[in-house]
Protein backbone atom coordinates (compact mmCIF):
# COMPACT_ATOMS: atom_id res chain seq x y z
CA MET A 1 -26.24 2.46 1.84
CA ILE A 2 -24.40 4.76 4.19
CA ASP A 3 -20.63 4.42 4.19
CA PRO A 4 -18.87 5.58 7.34
CA ARG A 5 -15.93 7.91 6.97
CA LEU A 6 -13.00 6.68 9.02
CA THR A 7 -10.87 9.81 8.78
CA THR A 8 -11.16 13.35 7.60
CA CYS A 9 -7.58 13.47 6.36
CA THR A 10 -7.41 15.27 3.04
CA GLU A 11 -3.68 14.72 2.52
CA CYS A 12 -4.04 10.95 2.89
CA THR A 13 -5.31 10.53 -0.64
CA THR A 14 -2.39 12.19 -2.39
CA ILE A 15 -0.19 9.93 -4.45
CA SER A 16 2.99 10.90 -2.61
CA ALA A 17 1.45 10.12 0.79
CA LEU A 18 0.20 6.76 -0.48
CA LEU A 19 3.60 5.90 -1.93
CA ASN A 20 5.18 6.81 1.40
CA ASP A 21 2.75 4.51 3.26
CA ILE A 22 3.44 1.69 0.80
CA ASN A 23 7.20 2.12 1.13
CA ASN A 24 6.97 2.07 4.94
CA ARG A 25 4.93 -1.15 4.95
CA ILE A 26 7.22 -2.82 2.41
CA THR A 27 10.19 -1.89 4.60
CA GLU A 28 8.53 -3.46 7.66
CA ILE A 29 7.81 -6.67 5.77
CA ALA A 30 11.35 -6.77 4.36
CA LYS A 31 12.82 -6.38 7.86
CA MET A 32 10.60 -9.21 9.12
CA LEU A 33 11.73 -11.37 6.21
CA TYR A 34 15.41 -10.58 6.83
CA ASN A 35 15.12 -11.37 10.54
CA ASN A 36 13.19 -14.52 9.72
CA ILE A 37 15.93 -15.73 7.38
CA THR A 38 18.99 -14.72 9.42
CA LEU A 39 17.69 -15.73 12.84
CA MET A 40 15.64 -18.74 11.62
CA LEU A 41 12.55 -17.56 13.47
CA GLY A 42 10.00 -19.42 11.36
CA TYR A 43 7.42 -16.65 11.31
CA SER A 44 4.98 -16.45 8.44
CA ILE A 45 5.53 -13.55 6.07
CA PRO A 46 2.52 -11.92 4.34
CA SER A 47 3.79 -12.47 0.80
CA GLU A 48 0.42 -11.78 -0.80
CA THR A 49 0.27 -8.41 0.95
CA MET A 50 3.78 -7.63 -0.26
CA LEU A 51 2.89 -8.43 -3.87
CA ASP A 52 -0.32 -6.39 -3.67
CA LEU A 53 1.56 -3.40 -2.26
CA LEU A 54 4.17 -3.63 -5.02
CA ASN A 55 1.40 -3.70 -7.64
CA TYR A 56 -0.33 -0.67 -6.13
CA LYS A 57 3.02 1.11 -5.97
CA ARG A 58 3.54 0.48 -9.68
CA ILE A 59 0.05 1.73 -10.49
CA LEU A 60 0.49 4.88 -8.39
CA THR A 61 3.88 5.74 -9.90
CA TYR A 62 2.40 5.39 -13.39
CA LYS A 63 -0.59 7.49 -12.32
CA LEU A 64 1.76 10.14 -10.94
CA SER A 65 3.30 10.73 -14.36
CA ASN A 66 0.16 10.05 -16.44
CA ALA A 67 -3.20 11.01 -14.95
CA ASP A 68 -5.05 9.03 -17.64
CA TYR A 69 -3.43 5.72 -16.66
CA ALA A 70 -6.02 3.26 -15.26
CA ILE A 71 -8.76 5.87 -15.55
CA ASP A 72 -11.39 3.42 -14.24
CA PHE A 73 -9.71 3.35 -10.83
CA THR A 74 -9.66 6.59 -8.87
CA ILE A 75 -7.03 7.56 -6.34
CA GLU A 76 -9.62 7.21 -3.57
CA MET A 77 -10.34 3.62 -4.57
CA ILE A 78 -6.64 2.78 -4.51
CA ALA A 79 -6.14 4.69 -1.25
CA SER A 80 -8.82 2.69 0.52
CA ARG A 81 -7.22 -0.58 -0.55
CA VAL A 82 -3.73 0.62 0.42
CA LYS A 83 -4.96 1.66 3.86
CA LEU A 84 -6.43 -1.83 4.36
CA LEU A 85 -3.22 -3.51 3.26
CA LYS A 86 -1.16 -1.25 5.47
CA TYR A 87 -2.49 -2.94 8.60
CA LYS A 88 -2.83 -6.47 7.22
């Protein structure tokens, strides 16, 4: 089956770029949560997305120091999932 390539960005699959994307999304969600609590807005917060991003952040930080950690999962596999969660 043919898989379409969405971007040709070669720097997007580096661990530091992925960690930066994860940190930016976590910051956005945290700001929404803070505004939701302080201003009593009643918006729904994507808690499952937040937990998934925190798990991928943990995996990537371990992979940064030890390349053999979670050897079954490549950086590209994690990057594709992070890019999906970034816009969720």
